[in-house]
Amino acid sequence: MTNTYIKSAFLAWAIAPALAFAQADMPPTNDLENPYSTQSGYFKMPAGRDWGSSSTVEIDSDGDGIVDTLDLCPNTLSGSIVDLNGCKETLRFSNWMHPNLDSGKIDMFNETEQWDETLASIDGYGFYIAELSNSRTNYSRIINALDSNDVDVIVEGGGTLNFGGCDERNGENSAEIEIEKMRPYYEAGGHVDYFTMDGPISRVIDGGRSNDCGFTLNQSVDELVDYMQTMHLAHPEIGIGLLVNFPNWAYAETESYQCNNSNWGGGIDYYDVLEAALNAIELAGEELAYFIADNPWGYASGTHTSVCSYDVSRIDWMGRILSLENQVKSHGIPFGMTYNSELGGNSDNETYYNDTIEFINTYQDYGGSPDIRNIESWYPYPAENRPEETLYTFTNLMLAAIDLLEKDD
């Protein structure tokens, strides 16, 4: 039995090559005429598109730009800024610079040698949204300078706009307007890291800014969420932040700085406004990347004029800001402080410089510890941005501020 099996196996092994060779020479079993013909170019792609192929598909389940096979932090929320491992980046001790519109801001990127130390020291550079909306502007120098120095691009827009339609489409319409405004910068090869909504609720809530939409707080918050969702559908890579014009709101049973003349929202407490907004954002699966308080030095120190019937200098305005910082941080959201001076911004470079430095010193001494330190001007001054060695220019102030801020880090 065993011998028969061995012989059969040997025979099969010996004749296998011959069979294979003979098989290769066999004529086709179907020698009929082929009824099919090849027609080249039958399927056509749209203009400018080429045929391609795919061997594998990389999945990015949480939409953070990092494929699942490389993502060490799955399920990050929409709008989270992540690192190369897909984990949320921290904004702790970030120094942002945001010069005004009228100080040769775009031109300074043609002469980066005049502020190269500042450029290497900052973490973010801010633009007002209108600055990125001009299709005739050559943005290449800006993009190259910021990218090569690993500086984040921050854009400040309005969020829910009072001209976005005062109805249930306000959030979507407002986002579409601002997405379109950023299009020229994206088409030039740029990208936006962070988008600051400048007082969006005050633009639509009843008793807010002039020409508000008359919305209730719930309506205002709902449209804010719709705005964020629409922005993230177009640009999931952008971290969206909320800015409050803090002196104009009542807070913690303290009136606004100008009392009834500027009690936005009909005197509603901003503590409640912020809680409502953060709860709605979280329920929608969105995430607020950061929060910024706009509260110029004169209002923070109680030295700015006021129409209130009492002496506003006896109010603890600095403590009010610190309470807001604590509220924001209790939600795990990075808190940012804008340091500037309305008096200096409307008078001269030197006053702006000195007031801003005093603001930083005073708030730090008070116990304030913002995650984002934003030096920003929307005033005529500082009138010059550079050179950084020249006293009282914006870049000179920025270096002094960074030196002061980082002593306590």
Protein backbone atom coordinates (compact mmCIF):
# COMPACT_ATOMS: atom_id res chain seq x y z
CA MET A 1 0.00 0.00 0.00
CA THR A 2 2.82 2.32 0.95
CA ASN A 3 4.90 1.52 -2.13
CA THR A 4 1.94 2.16 -4.45
CA TYR A 5 1.41 5.60 -2.84
CA ILE A 6 5.08 6.55 -3.23
CA LYS A 7 5.17 5.47 -6.86
CA SER A 8 2.03 7.42 -7.68
CA ALA A 9 3.38 10.54 -6.01
CA PHE A 10 6.68 10.26 -7.84
CA LEU A 11 4.93 9.84 -11.18
CA ALA A 12 2.76 12.92 -10.59
CA TRP A 13 5.86 14.95 -9.70
CA ALA A 14 7.73 13.82 -12.77
CA ILE A 15 5.04 14.55 -15.35
CA ALA A 16 3.78 17.87 -13.87
CA PRO A 17 6.25 20.06 -15.80
CA ALA A 18 5.41 18.31 -19.01
CA LEU A 19 1.70 18.87 -18.49
CA ALA A 20 2.28 22.52 -17.72
CA PHE A 21 4.39 22.89 -20.85
CA ALA A 22 1.79 21.11 -22.97
CA GLN A 23 -0.97 23.27 -21.44
CA ALA A 24 0.78 26.41 -22.57
CA ASP A 25 0.74 25.19 -26.20
CA MET A 26 -2.90 24.18 -26.22
CA PRO A 27 -5.10 26.06 -28.73
CA PRO A 28 -7.97 28.19 -27.32
CA THR A 29 -11.17 26.30 -26.65
CA ASN A 30 -13.18 29.17 -28.21
CA ASP A 31 -11.91 30.14 -31.65
CA LEU A 32 -15.06 32.01 -32.68
CA GLU A 33 -14.88 35.68 -33.73
CA ASN A 34 -14.89 38.13 -30.75
CA PRO A 35 -18.13 40.17 -30.99
CA TYR A 36 -16.70 42.91 -28.68
CA SER A 37 -14.43 45.78 -29.62
CA THR A 38 -12.35 48.27 -27.62
CA GLN A 39 -13.56 51.89 -27.71
CA SER A 40 -11.08 54.36 -26.21
CA GLY A 41 -12.26 57.49 -24.36
CA TYR A 42 -15.84 56.31 -23.87
CA PHE A 43 -16.00 57.56 -20.27
CA LYS A 44 -14.91 61.16 -19.89
CA MET A 45 -13.84 63.05 -16.78
CA PRO A 46 -14.73 66.73 -16.18
CA ALA A 47 -12.27 69.32 -17.46
CA GLY A 48 -9.03 69.35 -15.51
CA ARG A 49 -9.64 65.95 -13.86
CA ASP A 50 -7.69 62.76 -14.53
CA TRP A 51 -8.55 59.11 -14.03
CA GLY A 52 -7.04 57.61 -10.93
CA SER A 53 -7.19 54.52 -8.83
CA SER A 54 -7.25 53.65 -5.16
CA SER A 55 -5.77 50.60 -3.51
CA THR A 56 -6.72 51.53 0.07
CA VAL A 57 -9.07 53.95 1.84
CA GLU A 58 -7.85 55.76 4.95
CA ILE A 59 -10.63 56.41 7.49
CA ASP A 60 -10.73 59.54 9.68
CA SER A 61 -13.68 58.75 11.94
CA ASP A 62 -13.59 61.92 14.06
CA GLY A 63 -12.79 64.28 11.17
CA ASP A 64 -9.75 65.85 12.81
CA GLY A 65 -7.49 65.40 9.78
CA ILE A 66 -5.55 62.47 11.28
CA VAL A 67 -6.43 59.01 9.90
CA ASP A 68 -7.57 56.41 12.40
CA THR A 69 -4.41 54.28 12.03
CA LEU A 70 -2.31 57.23 13.27
CA ASP A 71 -4.85 58.85 15.62
CA LEU A 72 -3.88 58.37 19.28
CA CYS A 73 -6.87 60.39 20.50
CA PRO A 74 -10.03 59.14 18.72
CA ASN A 75 -13.39 60.89 19.05
CA THR A 76 -12.09 64.46 19.34
CA LEU A 77 -14.91 66.96 19.09
CA SER A 78 -15.59 69.00 15.95
CA GLY A 79 -13.43 72.11 15.87
CA SER A 80 -10.65 70.72 18.05
CA ILE A 81 -7.17 71.77 16.97
CA VAL A 82 -5.02 68.65 17.10
CA ASP A 83 -1.34 67.74 16.83
CA LEU A 84 0.19 65.16 14.50
CA ASN A 85 -1.03 62.39 16.82
CA GLY A 86 -4.65 63.57 16.62
CA CYS A 87 -4.60 64.85 20.20
CA LYS A 88 -5.95 68.23 21.22
CA GLU A 89 -3.36 71.00 21.23
CA THR A 90 -3.12 73.29 24.23
CA LEU A 91 -3.23 77.07 24.01
CA ARG A 92 -1.58 77.51 27.41
CA PHE A 93 0.64 80.61 27.46
CA SER A 94 0.11 81.57 23.82
CA ASN A 95 1.16 85.07 22.76
CA TRP A 96 -0.96 86.55 19.98
CA MET A 97 -0.21 89.73 18.09
CA HIS A 98 -2.92 91.71 16.27
CA PRO A 99 -1.94 95.16 14.93
CA ASN A 100 -4.53 97.62 13.67
CA LEU A 101 -5.64 98.08 10.09
CA ASP A 102 -4.00 101.43 9.38
CA SER A 103 -0.39 100.85 10.39
CA GLY A 104 1.06 99.23 7.25
CA LYS A 105 0.06 95.81 8.47
CA ILE A 106 0.22 93.98 5.15
CA ASP A 107 3.39 95.81 4.09
CA MET A 108 5.28 94.69 7.18
CA PHE A 109 5.53 91.22 5.62
CA ASN A 110 7.66 92.76 2.86
CA GLU A 111 10.20 93.78 5.51
CA THR A 112 10.26 90.93 8.01
CA GLU A 113 13.91 91.68 8.80
CA GLN A 114 12.62 94.70 10.75
CA TRP A 115 10.67 92.48 13.16
CA ASP A 116 12.28 89.06 12.85
CA GLU A 117 12.73 88.58 16.62
CA THR A 118 9.03 89.32 17.17
CA LEU A 119 8.03 86.98 14.37
CA ALA A 120 10.10 84.19 15.90
CA SER A 121 8.61 84.84 19.38
CA ILE A 122 4.85 85.01 18.77
CA ASP A 123 2.49 82.05 18.63
CA GLY A 124 -0.31 83.68 16.63
CA TYR A 125 -0.89 86.61 14.28
CA GLY A 126 -4.33 88.16 13.96
CA PHE A 127 -6.24 89.57 11.01
CA TYR A 128 -9.63 91.21 10.77
CA ILE A 129 -11.66 89.20 8.30
CA ALA A 130 -11.82 92.04 5.75
CA GLU A 131 -8.02 91.91 5.45
CA LEU A 132 -8.17 88.42 3.96
CA SER A 133 -11.06 89.02 1.57
CA ASN A 134 -9.31 91.04 -1.15
CA SER A 135 -8.61 88.85 -4.17
CA ARG A 136 -6.13 91.48 -5.48
CA THR A 137 -3.86 91.23 -2.43
CA ASN A 138 -0.72 89.12 -2.81
CA TYR A 139 -0.86 86.94 0.28
CA SER A 140 2.14 84.77 -0.57
CA ARG A 141 4.64 86.69 1.58
CA ILE A 142 2.27 86.57 4.55
CA ILE A 143 1.67 82.85 4.14
CA ASN A 144 5.38 82.06 3.76
CA ALA A 145 6.46 84.22 6.71
CA LEU A 146 3.88 82.80 9.10
CA ASP A 147 4.29 79.18 7.97
CA SER A 148 8.09 79.25 8.13
CA ASN A 149 7.94 80.60 11.70
CA ASP A 150 5.18 78.19 12.77
CA VAL A 151 2.84 81.07 13.65
CA ASP A 152 -0.90 80.38 13.82
CA VAL A 153 -3.29 82.49 11.76
CA ILE A 154 -6.15 84.00 13.77
CA VAL A 155 -9.07 85.67 12.00
CA GLU A 156 -11.53 87.91 13.81
CA GLY A 157 -15.04 88.03 12.37
CA GLY A 158 -18.48 88.70 13.72
CA GLY A 159 -20.10 85.31 14.16
CA THR A 160 -23.87 85.71 14.09
CA LEU A 161 -24.35 88.91 12.10
CA ASN A 162 -27.28 91.31 12.39
CA PHE A 163 -27.28 91.50 8.58
CA GLY A 164 -27.31 87.70 8.23
CA GLY A 165 -31.11 87.67 8.29
CA CYS A 166 -33.05 87.92 11.54
CA ASP A 167 -34.66 84.50 11.28
CA GLU A 168 -33.90 80.82 11.87
CA ARG A 169 -31.29 80.90 9.08
CA ASN A 170 -29.18 83.62 10.71
CA GLY A 171 -26.43 81.27 11.90
CA GLU A 172 -26.07 79.45 8.58
CA ASN A 173 -26.25 82.66 6.51
CA SER A 174 -23.73 84.48 8.71
CA ALA A 175 -21.24 81.62 8.48
CA GLU A 176 -21.61 81.43 4.71
CA ILE A 177 -20.92 85.17 4.44
CA GLU A 178 -17.72 84.88 6.47
CA ILE A 179 -16.58 81.68 4.77
CA GLU A 180 -16.82 83.51 1.45
CA LYS A 181 -14.81 86.43 2.84
CA MET A 182 -11.93 84.10 3.69
CA ARG A 183 -11.97 82.42 0.29
CA PRO A 184 -9.28 84.63 -1.38
CA TYR A 185 -6.80 83.77 1.38
CA TYR A 186 -7.47 80.05 1.03
CA GLU A 187 -7.22 80.26 -2.75
CA ALA A 188 -3.80 81.86 -2.33
CA GLY A 189 -2.66 78.75 -0.46
CA GLY A 190 -3.23 80.03 3.08
CA HIS A 191 -5.12 78.46 5.94
CA VAL A 192 -6.77 79.67 9.14
CA ASP A 193 -6.02 78.06 12.49
CA TYR A 194 -8.40 79.99 14.74
CA PHE A 195 -11.51 82.07 14.13
CA THR A 196 -12.67 84.54 16.80
CA MET A 197 -16.37 85.42 16.87
CA ASP A 198 -16.40 89.04 18.06
CA GLY A 199 -19.46 89.53 20.30
CA PRO A 200 -21.86 87.39 18.24
CA ILE A 201 -24.66 87.28 20.82
CA SER A 202 -24.64 91.06 21.26
CA ARG A 203 -25.23 91.43 17.51
CA VAL A 204 -28.56 89.58 17.54
CA ILE A 205 -29.99 89.58 21.09
CA ASP A 206 -32.77 92.01 21.97
CA GLY A 207 -31.18 95.05 23.60
CA GLY A 208 -27.77 94.33 22.13
CA ARG A 209 -25.90 96.45 19.59
CA SER A 210 -27.74 98.87 17.37
CA ASN A 211 -29.86 97.14 14.71
CA ASP A 212 -29.86 93.85 16.62
CA CYS A 213 -32.28 91.10 15.58
CA GLY A 214 -34.42 91.23 18.71
CA PHE A 215 -33.72 87.57 19.48
CA THR A 216 -34.28 85.99 22.87
CA LEU A 217 -31.26 84.49 24.61
CA ASN A 218 -32.29 80.98 23.50
CA GLN A 219 -32.66 82.10 19.88
CA SER A 220 -29.28 83.87 20.01
CA VAL A 221 -27.57 80.77 21.38
CA ASP A 222 -29.27 78.46 18.84
CA GLU A 223 -28.05 80.60 15.96
CA LEU A 224 -24.56 80.67 17.47
CA VAL A 225 -24.49 76.87 17.39
CA ASP A 226 -25.79 76.85 13.79
CA TYR A 227 -23.00 79.26 12.87
CA MET A 228 -20.32 77.02 14.35
CA GLN A 229 -21.70 73.89 12.69
CA THR A 230 -21.87 75.58 9.29
CA MET A 231 -18.33 76.95 9.64
CA HIS A 232 -17.02 73.53 10.61
CA LEU A 233 -18.74 71.83 7.68
CA ALA A 234 -16.65 74.02 5.38
CA HIS A 235 -13.53 74.25 7.56
CA PRO A 236 -13.35 71.47 10.17
CA GLU A 237 -9.72 72.41 10.76
CA ILE A 238 -10.54 75.80 12.32
CA GLY A 239 -10.78 76.21 16.09
CA ILE A 240 -13.59 78.66 16.85
CA GLY A 241 -13.38 81.04 19.81
CA LEU A 242 -15.82 83.43 21.46
CA LEU A 243 -14.96 87.05 22.31
CA VAL A 244 -16.98 89.20 24.71
CA ASN A 245 -16.95 93.00 24.82
CA PHE A 246 -17.03 92.70 28.57
CA PRO A 247 -17.53 96.31 29.79
CA ASN A 248 -20.87 96.43 27.93
CA TRP A 249 -22.46 93.58 29.91
CA ALA A 250 -23.73 93.28 33.46
CA TYR A 251 -21.89 90.53 35.31
CA ALA A 252 -22.16 88.98 38.75
CA GLU A 253 -24.70 91.57 39.88
CA THR A 254 -22.50 94.44 38.66
CA GLU A 255 -23.87 96.77 35.99
CA SER A 256 -22.04 97.45 32.76
CA TYR A 257 -19.39 100.18 32.85
CA GLN A 258 -21.76 102.78 31.37
CA CYS A 259 -24.75 101.52 33.37
CA ASN A 260 -28.06 101.63 31.47
CA ASN A 261 -26.41 103.23 28.44
CA SER A 262 -24.70 99.96 27.57
CA ASN A 263 -26.35 97.14 29.52
CA TRP A 264 -26.52 94.79 26.55
CA GLY A 265 -29.29 92.24 26.51
CA GLY A 266 -31.52 94.50 28.59
CA GLY A 267 -29.30 94.03 31.65
CA ILE A 268 -29.17 90.23 31.52
CA ASP A 269 -26.19 88.90 33.48
CA TYR A 270 -23.42 87.71 31.18
CA TYR A 271 -22.70 84.85 33.57
CA ASP A 272 -26.05 83.36 32.52
CA VAL A 273 -25.48 84.21 28.86
CA LEU A 274 -22.17 82.36 28.82
CA GLU A 275 -23.54 79.33 30.67
CA ALA A 276 -26.42 79.07 28.18
CA ALA A 277 -24.02 79.33 25.22
CA LEU A 278 -21.53 76.76 26.54
CA ASN A 279 -24.29 74.27 27.40
CA ALA A 280 -25.85 74.56 23.93
CA ILE A 281 -22.47 74.20 22.22
CA GLU A 282 -21.68 71.07 24.22
CA LEU A 283 -25.11 69.52 23.58
CA ALA A 284 -24.62 70.04 19.84
CA GLY A 285 -21.33 68.13 19.91
CA GLU A 286 -19.35 71.26 19.13
CA GLU A 287 -16.39 72.61 21.06
CA LEU A 288 -15.33 76.15 21.87
CA ALA A 289 -11.58 76.29 21.29
CA TYR A 290 -11.03 79.37 23.47
CA PHE A 291 -12.63 82.45 25.00
CA ILE A 292 -11.31 86.04 24.93
CA ALA A 293 -12.24 89.01 27.11
CA ASP A 294 -12.06 92.42 25.42
CA ASN A 295 -11.78 94.89 28.31
CA PRO A 296 -9.41 97.82 27.60
CA TRP A 297 -7.23 99.20 30.40
CA GLY A 298 -9.35 102.26 31.26
CA TYR A 299 -12.38 100.03 31.88
CA ALA A 300 -10.31 97.46 33.78
CA SER A 301 -8.77 100.11 36.05
CA GLY A 302 -11.93 102.17 36.58
CA THR A 303 -10.24 105.28 35.19
CA HIS A 304 -12.31 105.67 32.02
CA THR A 305 -15.14 108.21 32.15
CA SER A 306 -18.60 106.82 32.85
CA VAL A 307 -22.16 108.14 32.75
CA CYS A 308 -23.14 106.12 35.83
CA SER A 309 -24.61 108.11 38.70
CA TYR A 310 -21.98 106.74 41.10
CA ASP A 311 -18.17 106.70 41.18
CA VAL A 312 -17.21 103.70 39.04
CA SER A 313 -13.66 103.70 40.40
CA ARG A 314 -14.95 102.07 43.58
CA ILE A 315 -16.04 98.96 41.63
CA ASP A 316 -13.57 96.06 41.55
CA TRP A 317 -13.40 95.82 37.76
CA MET A 318 -10.21 93.77 37.80
CA GLY A 319 -11.86 91.27 40.14
CA ARG A 320 -14.80 91.13 37.74
CA ILE A 321 -12.47 90.03 34.93
CA LEU A 322 -10.83 87.45 37.20
CA SER A 323 -14.27 85.99 38.01
CA LEU A 324 -14.96 85.65 34.30
CA GLU A 325 -11.61 83.91 33.82
CA ASN A 326 -12.49 81.44 36.55
CA GLN A 327 -15.93 80.79 35.05
CA VAL A 328 -14.46 80.05 31.63
CA LYS A 329 -11.70 77.81 32.99
CA SER A 330 -14.22 75.86 35.09
CA HIS A 331 -15.52 74.52 31.76
CA GLY A 332 -12.02 73.48 30.68
CA ILE A 333 -11.86 76.23 28.05
CA PRO A 334 -8.66 78.29 27.52
CA PHE A 335 -9.17 81.89 28.65
CA GLY A 336 -7.67 84.77 26.69
CA MET A 337 -7.17 88.40 27.70
CA THR A 338 -6.83 91.29 25.25
CA TYR A 339 -4.36 93.79 26.63
CA ASN A 340 -4.66 97.30 25.20
CA SER A 341 -5.60 100.91 25.95
CA GLU A 342 -8.45 102.93 24.51
CA LEU A 343 -6.92 106.17 25.74
CA GLY A 344 -3.52 105.40 24.23
CA GLY A 345 -5.07 103.91 21.12
CA ASN A 346 -6.78 107.23 20.42
CA SER A 347 -3.90 109.51 21.41
CA ASP A 348 -0.30 108.33 20.88
CA ASN A 349 2.08 105.38 20.73
CA GLU A 350 3.73 106.04 24.09
CA THR A 351 0.51 106.11 26.12
CA TYR A 352 -0.70 102.95 24.40
CA TYR A 353 2.60 101.24 25.23
CA ASN A 354 2.70 102.31 28.89
CA ASP A 355 -0.98 101.55 29.58
CA THR A 356 -0.72 98.10 28.02
CA ILE A 357 2.35 97.20 30.07
CA GLU A 358 0.64 98.49 33.23
CA PHE A 359 -2.43 96.40 32.41
CA ILE A 360 -0.32 93.23 32.11
CA ASN A 361 1.48 93.93 35.39
CA THR A 362 -1.70 94.76 37.29
CA TYR A 363 -3.71 91.76 36.13
CA GLN A 364 -0.86 89.37 36.87
CA ASP A 365 -0.45 90.86 40.34
CA TYR A 366 -4.20 90.40 40.83
CA GLY A 367 -3.87 86.68 40.18
CA GLY A 368 -4.91 86.64 36.54
CA SER A 369 -3.28 83.97 34.41
CA PRO A 370 -4.70 83.99 30.86
CA ASP A 371 -3.90 81.08 28.58
CA ILE A 372 -3.91 83.44 25.60
CA ARG A 373 -2.23 86.86 25.90
CA ASN A 374 -3.59 88.90 23.00
CA ILE A 375 -1.97 92.27 22.25
CA GLU A 376 -4.42 93.91 19.85
CA SER A 377 -5.30 97.36 18.58
CA TRP A 378 -8.33 98.49 16.60
CA TYR A 379 -7.43 102.12 17.30
CA PRO A 380 -5.32 104.56 15.21
CA TYR A 381 -2.33 103.94 17.51
CA PRO A 382 0.27 102.52 17.60
CA ALA A 383 0.71 104.23 14.25
CA GLU A 384 3.86 102.25 13.39
CA ASN A 385 4.39 98.51 13.57
CA ARG A 386 8.15 98.40 13.06
CA PRO A 387 11.15 98.43 13.44
CA GLU A 388 11.06 96.40 16.61
CA GLU A 389 14.09 98.29 18.00
CA THR A 390 12.22 101.61 17.84
CA LEU A 391 10.54 102.46 21.12
CA TYR A 392 6.72 102.31 21.21
CA THR A 393 6.16 100.62 17.83
CA PHE A 394 3.74 97.69 17.97
CA THR A 395 6.50 95.08 17.58
CA ASN A 396 8.58 96.87 20.23
CA LEU A 397 5.59 96.62 22.59
CA MET A 398 5.05 92.97 21.66
CA LEU A 399 8.60 92.02 22.63
CA ALA A 400 8.31 93.91 25.92
CA ALA A 401 4.97 92.22 26.66
CA ILE A 402 6.32 88.74 25.92
CA ASP A 403 9.33 89.35 28.15
CA LEU A 404 7.05 90.46 30.96
CA LEU A 405 4.48 87.69 30.51
CA GLU A 406 6.97 84.86 30.32
CA LYS A 407 8.69 85.80 33.56
CA ASP A 408 5.74 84.31 35.40
CA ASP A 409 5.20 81.26 33.15
